[in-house]
Every structure is written in C-alpha cells, then in structure tokens.
Amino acid sequence: MDNLKPNILIVDDEPINLDIICAHLEQDDYRLVKANNGEDAWSILQSNPTEFDVIILDRMMPVMDGMQVLNNIKETDLMEQIPVIMQTAKSDNQDVVDGLKAGAYYYLTKPYDGDLLKTIVRSALNSRQHEKNLVDSLREGRRIFDLMSFGRFKIHNLRECSLVASQVAHLCPEPHRVVTGISELLINALEHGNLKIGYQAKSDLMRRGMWQIEVEKRLHSSDNIGAYIELEFNVTVDKIQIRIRDQGVGFDWTPYMDFDPDRAFDPHGRGIAVARLSSFDDLEYIGEGNEVVATVNKRPAGKVN
C-alpha cells in the first residue's frame, strides 16, 4: 500500500456504478478500494480501521444498507472522523436530513456530474487532512491549560485559527471532539466575518480549488490589515465557555444551525450544524451573528450528544 496516496473506499452493489466512480477518480492520485455491498465494506473497515481517508457509500444496498454502515462507522472511535459521502437515488428531503444527521459528510444524488464528485471528494480529503493536523497538534498540546481559568486570543489568519483551536480544546474533557468545532467557528468568523466571503462565493471558489488562495489574498489587502478575531475562554466548576467575535457586520446564522437538505449537495455549509451537534453541549449566536458562544460541560469522558 502506498501510504502517500489518499485511500478511498467506494461502496456500491452495482458493478457499473463502481466502474463509473473509479473512472472519474482514477486520473487523480488516489488509491481506490471497491466493496460490492455494505457487509463487505464493513469487513474491510474493521480489518483496517485507520486506513481510509474518505468513504463513498451507496445508501440502498442488500445485505447491509448504507445507513447501517454509516452508523457503525460513527460509533467506532477509530473511524468516526472519516468523511462519508453518501450517494443515493433517493432525494427526498427527510432522507437527506437523516443521512446528514447520522454523520454523512456530503450527499450525491444519482446520476451526478463527474466534476461535482471530484470537487466533493477533494473537499472531503482537505477536511480529513485538516482534522488530522488538528489532532496531531492536540497530542503536542501544552499542559499549562490545566492551570488556566480565563484567557483571550487575537487571531489573524488560518494558521492561527488551527493553532488556537488545537490548544484551547485542551480545556475540555474530550479535546479531540471539540477541536474541530472550535476550528470551524474560527474559520467561519475569519472568512465570512472579517473577509466577507459569502456563501455562494465560497462555493464557487471551492469548486475551482481557489478558496485558500482567495483567503490569503484578502488577508493581505489594505482593507484587512490589522483585522483580527477574538477568542475568549472562561472555565468554571461545571463548564467551559468559548466566545468568538469577528469584526464583520454579522450574518443570518439561523439557517446554518441545523442540516438543510437544500445545501446537502454543496461543497460546504454543514460546519456550524456539525459543531453544534458533535462538538459542543450548547452553541448560541449573539445579536447580528458576529459573536458566538460555545459551551462544553465538564463530565466524565464519553460521547458528546
């Protein structure tokens, strides 16, 4: 196995669908592994729980359907962070919402465009690498956070977002679950708040592979020199509160607190909902939306509901 190549598991009970997906992806530098049904896929995953970077999973299959495979993945500590792209012929809104709430990273409705598949796979791989980098930073975290009850950071760029997220997460009982949520809120404040990159603009940039380039360009523009995000944390006997403020005009945050099937096919747009459900015990936007408070309760280790 070539460990330098991203490993993608493709699961579909129709051989022609497996061939089509592989044909779209084989020109990229991926290692592709195929499974003909959910049971075979689960067997492969159990044998190699840390091998795969992305899973493309058919929803409707005999033997073991995609939802059962997805539930198994999300209940297994070594696999739960693997992005899962659910592909299906069912496009009913409730089916899409159920899949997203169960942990599917993205949805693709058959038949779909090959370029869209490649964009979503690339986005999922980027997210997976970002999450791995955050976890690596956690392992190197400073124990000084055990002694802190209050702190404030000024954050200027993407690198600082990752650095602060990986360190502040140490305040929480399960830092590996919280770190991605903190990072998501910080990046959202940076790109949408300070840099004024709108939802559709980000979609277009991601499809063209230009998102990070545009972020760096705007960071160095005269309009944004000196701009920063503020993260403040407060530790009490029973909880940790993390407050993030940006210098933008705010946004309508209400549609992003839950999974919206209308955004299920976009290359982004689920981060706040995922953070609310998976990383924090409470998440509240204040006022116009340029301030958010995340709360993590202190309790014995276990899954965040």
C-alpha atoms as a PDB file:
ATOM      1  CA  MET A   1       0.000   0.000   0.000  1.00  0.00           C
ATOM      2  CA  ASP A   2       1.224   3.493  -0.882  1.00  0.00           C
ATOM      3  CA  ASN A   3       0.728   5.495   2.288  1.00  0.00           C
ATOM      4  CA  LEU A   4       1.375   8.758   0.445  1.00  0.00           C
ATOM      5  CA  LYS A   5      -1.793   8.417  -1.621  1.00  0.00           C
ATOM      6  CA  PRO A   6      -5.214   9.225  -0.135  1.00  0.00           C
ATOM      7  CA  ASN A   7      -7.159   5.995   0.335  1.00  0.00           C
ATOM      8  CA  ILE A   8     -10.801   5.995  -0.768  1.00  0.00           C
ATOM      9  CA  LEU A   9     -13.273   3.176  -0.133  1.00  0.00           C
ATOM     10  CA  ILE A  10     -16.076   3.030  -2.718  1.00  0.00           C
ATOM     11  CA  VAL A  11     -19.154   1.003  -1.783  1.00  0.00           C
ATOM     12  CA  ASP A  12     -21.926   0.140  -4.264  1.00  0.00           C
ATOM     13  CA  ASP A  13     -23.827  -3.048  -5.086  1.00  0.00           C
ATOM     14  CA  GLU A  14     -23.924  -2.182  -8.809  1.00  0.00           C
ATOM     15  CA  PRO A  15     -20.624  -3.023 -10.571  1.00  0.00           C
ATOM     16  CA  ILE A  16     -21.282  -0.427 -13.278  1.00  0.00           C
ATOM     17  CA  ASN A  17     -21.587   2.314 -10.637  1.00  0.00           C
ATOM     18  CA  LEU A  18     -18.290   1.247  -9.104  1.00  0.00           C
ATOM     19  CA  ASP A  19     -16.671   1.421 -12.532  1.00  0.00           C
ATOM     20  CA  ILE A  20     -18.119   4.887 -13.236  1.00  0.00           C
ATOM     21  CA  ILE A  21     -16.899   6.318  -9.933  1.00  0.00           C
ATOM     22  CA  CYS A  22     -13.451   4.810 -10.425  1.00  0.00           C
ATOM     23  CA  ALA A  23     -13.314   6.199 -13.966  1.00  0.00           C
ATOM     24  CA  HIS A  24     -13.998   9.700 -12.623  1.00  0.00           C
ATOM     25  CA  LEU A  25     -11.371   9.425  -9.877  1.00  0.00           C
ATOM     26  CA  GLU A  26      -8.636   7.235 -11.332  1.00  0.00           C
ATOM     27  CA  GLN A  27      -6.894  10.131 -13.091  1.00  0.00           C
ATOM     28  CA  ASP A  28      -6.221  11.669  -9.679  1.00  0.00           C
ATOM     29  CA  ASP A  29      -3.550  10.298  -7.397  1.00  0.00           C
ATOM     30  CA  TYR A  30      -5.817   8.182  -5.194  1.00  0.00           C
ATOM     31  CA  ARG A  31      -5.742   4.581  -4.069  1.00  0.00           C
ATOM     32  CA  LEU A  32      -9.250   3.234  -4.751  1.00  0.00           C
ATOM     33  CA  VAL A  33     -10.687   0.207  -2.954  1.00  0.00           C
ATOM     34  CA  LYS A  34     -14.061  -1.243  -4.018  1.00  0.00           C
ATOM     35  CA  ALA A  35     -16.700  -3.093  -1.987  1.00  0.00           C
ATOM     36  CA  ASN A  36     -19.793  -4.710  -3.541  1.00  0.00           C
ATOM     37  CA  ASN A  37     -22.096  -4.355  -0.526  1.00  0.00           C
ATOM     38  CA  GLY A  38     -22.294  -2.943   2.961  1.00  0.00           C
ATOM     39  CA  GLU A  39     -21.235  -6.142   4.689  1.00  0.00           C
ATOM     40  CA  ASP A  40     -18.050  -6.402   2.612  1.00  0.00           C
ATOM     41  CA  ALA A  41     -17.357  -2.717   3.244  1.00  0.00           C
ATOM     42  CA  TRP A  42     -17.762  -3.115   6.990  1.00  0.00           C
ATOM     43  CA  SER A  43     -15.456  -6.140   6.971  1.00  0.00           C
ATOM     44  CA  ILE A  44     -12.798  -4.122   5.121  1.00  0.00           C
ATOM     45  CA  LEU A  45     -13.165  -1.229   7.557  1.00  0.00           C
ATOM     46  CA  GLN A  46     -12.950  -3.455  10.616  1.00  0.00           C
ATOM     47  CA  SER A  47      -9.764  -5.016   9.289  1.00  0.00           C
ATOM     48  CA  ASN A  48      -8.230  -1.583   8.554  1.00  0.00           C
ATOM     49  CA  PRO A  49     -10.000   0.989  10.764  1.00  0.00           C
ATOM     50  CA  THR A  50      -7.439   3.757  10.201  1.00  0.00           C
ATOM     51  CA  GLU A  51      -6.621   3.125   6.533  1.00  0.00           C
ATOM     52  CA  PHE A  52      -9.211   5.190   4.665  1.00  0.00           C
ATOM     53  CA  ASP A  53      -9.373   8.955   4.245  1.00  0.00           C
ATOM     54  CA  VAL A  54     -12.805   9.130   2.549  1.00  0.00           C
ATOM     55  CA  ILE A  55     -15.672   6.674   2.058  1.00  0.00           C
ATOM     56  CA  ILE A  56     -18.101   6.933  -0.885  1.00  0.00           C
ATOM     57  CA  LEU A  57     -21.108   4.956   0.284  1.00  0.00           C
ATOM     58  CA  ASP A  58     -24.246   3.857  -1.551  1.00  0.00           C
ATOM     59  CA  ARG A  59     -27.330   4.213   0.633  1.00  0.00           C
ATOM     60  CA  MET A  60     -29.560   1.439  -0.747  1.00  0.00           C
ATOM     61  CA  MET A  61     -27.868  -1.980  -0.813  1.00  0.00           C
ATOM     62  CA  PRO A  62     -28.773  -5.560   0.055  1.00  0.00           C
ATOM     63  CA  VAL A  63     -27.156  -7.470   2.940  1.00  0.00           C
ATOM     64  CA  MET A  64     -26.277  -4.292   4.887  1.00  0.00           C
ATOM     65  CA  ASP A  65     -27.528  -0.905   3.701  1.00  0.00           C
ATOM     66  CA  GLY A  66     -25.512   2.295   3.694  1.00  0.00           C
ATOM     67  CA  MET A  67     -27.202   3.794   6.743  1.00  0.00           C
ATOM     68  CA  GLN A  68     -26.213   0.791   8.861  1.00  0.00           C
ATOM     69  CA  VAL A  69     -22.625   1.024   7.624  1.00  0.00           C
ATOM     70  CA  LEU A  70     -22.644   4.751   8.391  1.00  0.00           C
ATOM     71  CA  ASN A  71     -23.977   4.164  11.907  1.00  0.00           C
ATOM     72  CA  ASN A  72     -21.302   1.536  12.516  1.00  0.00           C
ATOM     73  CA  ILE A  73     -18.585   3.930  11.348  1.00  0.00           C
ATOM     74  CA  LYS A  74     -19.772   6.791  13.548  1.00  0.00           C
ATOM     75  CA  GLU A  75     -19.979   4.510  16.599  1.00  0.00           C
ATOM     76  CA  THR A  76     -16.359   3.353  16.208  1.00  0.00           C
ATOM     77  CA  ASP A  77     -13.736   5.647  17.733  1.00  0.00           C
ATOM     78  CA  LEU A  78     -11.032   4.898  15.168  1.00  0.00           C
ATOM     79  CA  MET A  79     -13.376   5.587  12.239  1.00  0.00           C
ATOM     80  CA  GLU A  80     -15.834   8.244  13.385  1.00  0.00           C
ATOM     81  CA  GLN A  81     -13.879  11.161  11.881  1.00  0.00           C
ATOM     82  CA  ILE A  82     -13.633   9.653   8.372  1.00  0.00           C
ATOM     83  CA  PRO A  83     -15.708  11.799   5.967  1.00  0.00           C
ATOM     84  CA  VAL A  84     -18.519   9.768   4.400  1.00  0.00           C
ATOM     85  CA  ILE A  85     -20.020  10.823   1.068  1.00  0.00           C
ATOM     86  CA  MET A  86     -23.471   9.233   0.754  1.00  0.00           C
ATOM     87  CA  GLN A  87     -24.651   8.505  -2.789  1.00  0.00           C
ATOM     88  CA  THR A  88     -28.237   7.550  -3.472  1.00  0.00           C
ATOM     89  CA  ALA A  89     -31.101   7.561  -5.950  1.00  0.00           C
ATOM     90  CA  LYS A  90     -33.361   8.825  -3.127  1.00  0.00           C
ATOM     91  CA  SER A  91     -33.507  12.614  -2.950  1.00  0.00           C
ATOM     92  CA  ASP A  92     -36.396  13.020  -0.510  1.00  0.00           C
ATOM     93  CA  ASN A  93     -35.576  15.849   1.884  1.00  0.00           C
ATOM     94  CA  GLN A  94     -36.088  13.758   5.005  1.00  0.00           C
ATOM     95  CA  ASP A  95     -33.817  11.003   3.687  1.00  0.00           C
ATOM     96  CA  VAL A  96     -31.112  13.598   3.062  1.00  0.00           C
ATOM     97  CA  VAL A  97     -31.542  15.110   6.541  1.00  0.00           C
ATOM     98  CA  ASP A  98     -31.428  11.647   8.151  1.00  0.00           C
ATOM     99  CA  GLY A  99     -28.171  10.874   6.377  1.00  0.00           C
ATOM    100  CA  LEU A 100     -26.573  14.188   7.320  1.00  0.00           C
ATOM    101  CA  LYS A 101     -27.624  13.839  10.958  1.00  0.00           C
ATOM    102  CA  ALA A 102     -26.220  10.311  11.026  1.00  0.00           C
ATOM    103  CA  GLY A 103     -22.861  11.742  10.023  1.00  0.00           C
ATOM    104  CA  ALA A 104     -22.694  11.720   6.209  1.00  0.00           C
ATOM    105  CA  TYR A 105     -20.262  14.416   5.116  1.00  0.00           C
ATOM    106  CA  TYR A 106     -21.973  15.087   1.784  1.00  0.00           C
ATOM    107  CA  TYR A 107     -24.794  13.730  -0.337  1.00  0.00           C
ATOM    108  CA  LEU A 108     -24.725  12.894  -4.036  1.00  0.00           C
ATOM    109  CA  THR A 109     -27.953  12.039  -5.870  1.00  0.00           C
ATOM    110  CA  LYS A 110     -27.570   9.655  -8.798  1.00  0.00           C
ATOM    111  CA  PRO A 111     -26.896  10.400 -11.578  1.00  0.00           C
ATOM    112  CA  TYR A 112     -24.365  13.081 -10.747  1.00  0.00           C
ATOM    113  CA  ASP A 113     -21.759  15.033 -12.632  1.00  0.00           C
ATOM    114  CA  GLY A 114     -18.207  13.734 -12.520  1.00  0.00           C
ATOM    115  CA  ASP A 115     -16.776  17.172 -11.806  1.00  0.00           C
ATOM    116  CA  LEU A 116     -19.082  17.548  -8.805  1.00  0.00           C
ATOM    117  CA  LEU A 117     -17.935  14.157  -7.489  1.00  0.00           C
ATOM    118  CA  LYS A 118     -14.295  15.188  -7.812  1.00  0.00           C
ATOM    119  CA  THR A 119     -14.919  18.538  -6.111  1.00  0.00           C
ATOM    120  CA  ILE A 120     -16.672  16.912  -3.177  1.00  0.00           C
ATOM    121  CA  VAL A 121     -14.015  14.203  -2.811  1.00  0.00           C
ATOM    122  CA  ARG A 122     -11.287  16.862  -2.852  1.00  0.00           C
ATOM    123  CA  SER A 123     -13.171  18.916  -0.243  1.00  0.00           C
ATOM    124  CA  ALA A 124     -13.649  15.847   1.965  1.00  0.00           C
ATOM    125  CA  LEU A 125      -9.949  14.969   1.701  1.00  0.00           C
ATOM    126  CA  ASN A 126      -8.968  18.522   2.635  1.00  0.00           C
ATOM    127  CA  SER A 127     -11.275  18.352   5.639  1.00  0.00           C
ATOM    128  CA  ARG A 128      -9.817  14.990   6.655  1.00  0.00           C
ATOM    129  CA  GLN A 129      -6.247  16.304   6.444  1.00  0.00           C
ATOM    130  CA  HIS A 130      -7.200  19.407   8.410  1.00  0.00           C
ATOM    131  CA  GLU A 131      -8.755  17.248  11.125  1.00  0.00           C
ATOM    132  CA  LYS A 132      -5.633  15.039  11.263  1.00  0.00           C
ATOM    133  CA  ASN A 133      -3.431  18.112  11.643  1.00  0.00           C
ATOM    134  CA  LEU A 134      -5.582  19.376  14.496  1.00  0.00           C
ATOM    135  CA  VAL A 135      -5.415  16.018  16.293  1.00  0.00           C
ATOM    136  CA  ASP A 136      -1.629  15.946  15.865  1.00  0.00           C
ATOM    137  CA  SER A 137      -1.463  19.387  17.439  1.00  0.00           C
ATOM    138  CA  LEU A 138      -3.584  18.160  20.342  1.00  0.00           C
ATOM    139  CA  ARG A 139      -1.083  15.416  21.072  1.00  0.00           C
ATOM    140  CA  GLU A 140       1.608  18.058  21.391  1.00  0.00           C
ATOM    141  CA  GLY A 141      -0.568  20.369  23.494  1.00  0.00           C
ATOM    142  CA  ARG A 142       0.832  22.199  26.475  1.00  0.00           C
ATOM    143  CA  ARG A 143      -0.368  21.050  29.901  1.00  0.00           C
ATOM    144  CA  ILE A 144      -0.342  24.671  31.056  1.00  0.00           C
ATOM    145  CA  PHE A 145      -4.014  24.837  30.048  1.00  0.00           C
ATOM    146  CA  ASP A 146      -4.854  22.666  33.071  1.00  0.00           C
ATOM    147  CA  LEU A 147      -3.909  25.639  35.231  1.00  0.00           C
ATOM    148  CA  MET A 148      -5.877  28.290  33.338  1.00  0.00           C
ATOM    149  CA  SER A 149      -9.393  29.577  34.036  1.00  0.00           C
ATOM    150  CA  PHE A 150      -9.530  32.544  31.656  1.00  0.00           C
ATOM    151  CA  GLY A 151      -7.776  33.654  28.506  1.00  0.00           C
ATOM    152  CA  ARG A 152      -8.101  35.778  25.354  1.00  0.00           C
ATOM    153  CA  PHE A 153      -6.534  35.399  21.918  1.00  0.00           C
ATOM    154  CA  LYS A 154      -6.383  37.689  18.893  1.00  0.00           C
ATOM    155  CA  ILE A 155      -6.326  35.622  15.698  1.00  0.00           C
ATOM    156  CA  HIS A 156      -5.386  36.949  12.268  1.00  0.00           C
ATOM    157  CA  ASN A 157      -5.134  34.065   9.771  1.00  0.00           C
ATOM    158  CA  LEU A 158      -5.885  30.389   9.038  1.00  0.00           C
ATOM    159  CA  ARG A 159      -2.698  29.116  10.661  1.00  0.00           C
ATOM    160  CA  GLU A 160      -3.535  30.904  13.896  1.00  0.00           C
ATOM    161  CA  CYS A 161      -7.107  29.527  13.748  1.00  0.00           C
ATOM    162  CA  SER A 162      -5.721  25.982  13.779  1.00  0.00           C
ATOM    163  CA  LEU A 163      -3.103  26.747  16.426  1.00  0.00           C
ATOM    164  CA  VAL A 164      -5.556  28.342  18.857  1.00  0.00           C
ATOM    165  CA  ALA A 165      -8.236  25.696  18.262  1.00  0.00           C
ATOM    166  CA  SER A 166      -5.813  22.851  18.985  1.00  0.00           C
ATOM    167  CA  GLN A 167      -4.669  24.481  22.220  1.00  0.00           C
ATOM    168  CA  VAL A 168      -7.979  25.756  23.619  1.00  0.00           C
ATOM    169  CA  ALA A 169      -9.501  22.310  23.067  1.00  0.00           C
ATOM    170  CA  HIS A 170      -7.264  21.072  25.920  1.00  0.00           C
ATOM    171  CA  LEU A 171      -9.548  22.883  28.331  1.00  0.00           C
ATOM    172  CA  CYS A 172     -12.323  20.376  27.567  1.00  0.00           C
ATOM    173  CA  PRO A 173     -12.785  16.792  28.819  1.00  0.00           C
ATOM    174  CA  GLU A 174     -12.639  15.389  25.262  1.00  0.00           C
ATOM    175  CA  PRO A 175     -10.402  17.738  23.272  1.00  0.00           C
ATOM    176  CA  HIS A 176     -10.393  15.561  20.139  1.00  0.00           C
ATOM    177  CA  ARG A 177     -14.159  16.066  19.791  1.00  0.00           C
ATOM    178  CA  VAL A 178     -14.114  19.795  20.485  1.00  0.00           C
ATOM    179  CA  VAL A 179     -11.130  20.865  18.390  1.00  0.00           C
ATOM    180  CA  THR A 180     -12.884  20.558  15.020  1.00  0.00           C
ATOM    181  CA  GLY A 181     -15.853  22.590  16.258  1.00  0.00           C
ATOM    182  CA  ILE A 182     -13.653  25.420  17.559  1.00  0.00           C
ATOM    183  CA  SER A 183     -11.726  25.443  14.290  1.00  0.00           C
ATOM    184  CA  GLU A 184     -14.947  25.590  12.271  1.00  0.00           C
ATOM    185  CA  LEU A 185     -16.248  28.588  14.228  1.00  0.00           C
ATOM    186  CA  LEU A 186     -12.939  30.430  13.911  1.00  0.00           C
ATOM    187  CA  ILE A 187     -12.630  29.828  10.169  1.00  0.00           C
ATOM    188  CA  ASN A 188     -16.246  30.883   9.685  1.00  0.00           C
ATOM    189  CA  ALA A 189     -15.555  34.116  11.590  1.00  0.00           C
ATOM    190  CA  LEU A 190     -12.426  34.746   9.533  1.00  0.00           C
ATOM    191  CA  GLU A 191     -13.745  34.052   6.032  1.00  0.00           C
ATOM    192  CA  HIS A 192     -17.365  35.175   6.300  1.00  0.00           C
ATOM    193  CA  GLY A 193     -16.993  37.776   9.038  1.00  0.00           C
ATOM    194  CA  ASN A 194     -13.706  39.613   8.547  1.00  0.00           C
ATOM    195  CA  LEU A 195     -13.009  38.744   4.896  1.00  0.00           C
ATOM    196  CA  LYS A 196     -16.630  38.978   3.693  1.00  0.00           C
ATOM    197  CA  ILE A 197     -16.539  35.813   1.560  1.00  0.00           C
ATOM    198  CA  GLY A 198     -20.231  34.983   1.042  1.00  0.00           C
ATOM    199  CA  TYR A 199     -21.747  31.521   0.855  1.00  0.00           C
ATOM    200  CA  GLN A 200     -22.059  31.373  -2.936  1.00  0.00           C
ATOM    201  CA  ALA A 201     -18.627  32.921  -3.414  1.00  0.00           C
ATOM    202  CA  LYS A 202     -17.086  30.204  -1.233  1.00  0.00           C
ATOM    203  CA  SER A 203     -18.933  27.509  -3.199  1.00  0.00           C
ATOM    204  CA  ASP A 204     -17.511  28.860  -6.456  1.00  0.00           C
ATOM    205  CA  LEU A 205     -14.007  29.168  -5.009  1.00  0.00           C
ATOM    206  CA  MET A 206     -14.037  25.616  -3.684  1.00  0.00           C
ATOM    207  CA  ARG A 207     -15.234  24.193  -6.994  1.00  0.00           C
ATOM    208  CA  ARG A 208     -12.287  25.952  -8.680  1.00  0.00           C
ATOM    209  CA  GLY A 209      -9.824  24.947  -5.958  1.00  0.00           C
ATOM    210  CA  MET A 210      -9.194  28.629  -5.199  1.00  0.00           C
ATOM    211  CA  TRP A 211     -10.626  29.071  -1.682  1.00  0.00           C
ATOM    212  CA  GLN A 212      -7.382  29.216   0.290  1.00  0.00           C
ATOM    213  CA  ILE A 213      -5.717  31.412  -2.339  1.00  0.00           C
ATOM    214  CA  GLU A 214      -8.591  33.912  -2.106  1.00  0.00           C
ATOM    215  CA  VAL A 215      -8.462  33.878   1.712  1.00  0.00           C
ATOM    216  CA  GLU A 216      -4.736  34.674   1.672  1.00  0.00           C
ATOM    217  CA  LYS A 217      -5.266  37.397  -0.942  1.00  0.00           C
ATOM    218  CA  ARG A 218      -7.945  39.116   1.142  1.00  0.00           C
ATOM    219  CA  LEU A 219      -5.900  38.789   4.331  1.00  0.00           C
ATOM    220  CA  HIS A 220      -3.154  40.855   2.728  1.00  0.00           C
ATOM    221  CA  SER A 221      -5.431  43.515   1.248  1.00  0.00           C
ATOM    222  CA  SER A 222      -5.299  47.011   2.713  1.00  0.00           C
ATOM    223  CA  ASP A 223      -8.905  46.671   3.934  1.00  0.00           C
ATOM    224  CA  ASN A 224      -7.994  43.785   6.244  1.00  0.00           C
ATOM    225  CA  ILE A 225      -4.551  44.731   7.559  1.00  0.00           C
ATOM    226  CA  GLY A 226      -4.803  44.673  11.343  1.00  0.00           C
ATOM    227  CA  ALA A 227      -8.173  42.879  11.406  1.00  0.00           C
ATOM    228  CA  TYR A 228      -8.498  40.022  13.872  1.00  0.00           C
ATOM    229  CA  ILE A 229     -10.879  37.562  15.504  1.00  0.00           C
ATOM    230  CA  GLU A 230     -11.089  37.452  19.279  1.00  0.00           C
ATOM    231  CA  LEU A 231     -11.463  34.175  21.159  1.00  0.00           C
ATOM    232  CA  GLU A 232     -12.103  34.320  24.877  1.00  0.00           C
ATOM    233  CA  PHE A 233     -12.490  31.313  27.167  1.00  0.00           C
ATOM    234  CA  ASN A 234     -13.801  31.052  30.698  1.00  0.00           C
ATOM    235  CA  VAL A 235     -13.547  27.910  32.840  1.00  0.00           C
ATOM    236  CA  THR A 236     -15.892  27.402  35.792  1.00  0.00           C
ATOM    237  CA  VAL A 237     -16.596  24.477  38.088  1.00  0.00           C
ATOM    238  CA  ASP A 238     -19.064  22.832  35.747  1.00  0.00           C
ATOM    239  CA  LYS A 239     -18.431  24.128  32.218  1.00  0.00           C
ATOM    240  CA  ILE A 240     -16.119  25.755  29.691  1.00  0.00           C
ATOM    241  CA  GLN A 241     -17.416  28.673  27.634  1.00  0.00           C
ATOM    242  CA  ILE A 242     -15.679  29.763  24.440  1.00  0.00           C
ATOM    243  CA  ARG A 243     -16.697  33.140  22.994  1.00  0.00           C
ATOM    244  CA  ILE A 244     -15.634  34.130  19.463  1.00  0.00           C
ATOM    245  CA  ARG A 245     -16.105  37.611  17.960  1.00  0.00           C
ATOM    246  CA  ASP A 246     -15.260  38.802  14.467  1.00  0.00           C
ATOM    247  CA  GLN A 247     -15.159  42.365  13.117  1.00  0.00           C
ATOM    248  CA  GLY A 248     -17.708  41.831  10.370  1.00  0.00           C
ATOM    249  CA  VAL A 249     -21.293  43.037  10.161  1.00  0.00           C
ATOM    250  CA  GLY A 250     -22.728  39.640  11.079  1.00  0.00           C
ATOM    251  CA  PHE A 251     -24.869  37.190   9.096  1.00  0.00           C
ATOM    252  CA  ASP A 252     -28.151  35.331   9.308  1.00  0.00           C
ATOM    253  CA  TRP A 253     -26.920  32.326  11.267  1.00  0.00           C
ATOM    254  CA  THR A 254     -30.309  30.666  11.851  1.00  0.00           C
ATOM    255  CA  PRO A 255     -30.366  28.513   8.661  1.00  0.00           C
ATOM    256  CA  TYR A 256     -26.964  27.024   9.496  1.00  0.00           C
ATOM    257  CA  MET A 257     -27.733  25.686  12.963  1.00  0.00           C
ATOM    258  CA  ASP A 258     -29.439  22.583  11.508  1.00  0.00           C
ATOM    259  CA  PHE A 259     -28.890  20.430   8.460  1.00  0.00           C
ATOM    260  CA  ASP A 260     -30.635  21.823   5.394  1.00  0.00           C
ATOM    261  CA  PRO A 261     -31.243  19.384   2.504  1.00  0.00           C
ATOM    262  CA  ASP A 262     -31.039  22.306   0.066  1.00  0.00           C
ATOM    263  CA  ARG A 263     -27.348  22.651   0.953  1.00  0.00           C
ATOM    264  CA  ALA A 264     -26.601  18.930   1.050  1.00  0.00           C
ATOM    265  CA  PHE A 265     -25.098  18.955  -2.443  1.00  0.00           C
ATOM    266  CA  ASP A 266     -22.854  21.988  -1.870  1.00  0.00           C
ATOM    267  CA  PRO A 267     -19.134  21.510  -1.122  1.00  0.00           C
ATOM    268  CA  HIS A 268     -19.551  23.229   2.273  1.00  0.00           C
ATOM    269  CA  GLY A 269     -22.243  24.617   4.588  1.00  0.00           C
ATOM    270  CA  ARG A 270     -22.580  21.952   7.292  1.00  0.00           C
ATOM    271  CA  GLY A 271     -19.827  23.045   9.665  1.00  0.00           C
ATOM    272  CA  ILE A 272     -21.899  25.013  12.179  1.00  0.00           C
ATOM    273  CA  ALA A 273     -24.571  22.291  12.422  1.00  0.00           C
ATOM    274  CA  VAL A 274     -21.905  19.603  12.861  1.00  0.00           C
ATOM    275  CA  ALA A 275     -20.157  21.680  15.534  1.00  0.00           C
ATOM    276  CA  ARG A 276     -23.417  22.243  17.410  1.00  0.00           C
ATOM    277  CA  LEU A 277     -24.357  18.567  17.404  1.00  0.00           C
ATOM    278  CA  SER A 278     -20.961  16.887  17.760  1.00  0.00           C
ATOM    279  CA  SER A 279     -18.533  19.245  19.483  1.00  0.00           C
ATOM    280  CA  PHE A 280     -20.494  21.323  21.989  1.00  0.00           C
ATOM    281  CA  ASP A 281     -23.265  20.977  24.542  1.00  0.00           C
ATOM    282  CA  ASP A 282     -24.656  24.360  23.540  1.00  0.00           C
ATOM    283  CA  LEU A 283     -23.992  26.820  20.728  1.00  0.00           C
ATOM    284  CA  GLU A 284     -25.538  30.295  20.616  1.00  0.00           C
ATOM    285  CA  TYR A 285     -25.026  33.165  18.203  1.00  0.00           C
ATOM    286  CA  ILE A 286     -25.414  36.614  19.723  1.00  0.00           C
ATOM    287  CA  GLY A 287     -27.048  39.650  18.132  1.00  0.00           C
ATOM    288  CA  GLU A 288     -26.269  40.122  14.438  1.00  0.00           C
ATOM    289  CA  GLY A 289     -24.194  36.943  14.227  1.00  0.00           C
ATOM    290  CA  ASN A 290     -20.649  38.248  14.619  1.00  0.00           C
ATOM    291  CA  GLU A 291     -20.390  36.748  18.105  1.00  0.00           C
ATOM    292  CA  VAL A 292     -20.911  33.110  19.097  1.00  0.00           C
ATOM    293  CA  VAL A 293     -20.694  31.314  22.443  1.00  0.00           C
ATOM    294  CA  ALA A 294     -19.918  27.593  22.593  1.00  0.00           C
ATOM    295  CA  THR A 295     -20.388  25.687  25.851  1.00  0.00           C
ATOM    296  CA  VAL A 296     -18.851  22.369  26.880  1.00  0.00           C
ATOM    297  CA  ASN A 297     -19.991  20.780  30.123  1.00  0.00           C
ATOM    298  CA  LYS A 298     -17.457  19.143  32.411  1.00  0.00           C
ATOM    299  CA  ARG A 299     -18.254  15.469  32.840  1.00  0.00           C
ATOM    300  CA  PRO A 300     -16.622  12.041  32.594  1.00  0.00           C
ATOM    301  CA  ALA A 301     -15.310  11.076  29.163  1.00  0.00           C
ATOM    302  CA  GLY A 302     -17.930   9.839  26.740  1.00  0.00           C
ATOM    303  CA  LYS A 303     -19.586  10.782  23.519  1.00  0.00           C
ATOM    304  CA  VAL A 304     -20.895  14.319  23.097  1.00  0.00           C
ATOM    305  CA  ASN A 305     -24.561  14.142  22.235  1.00  0.00           C
END
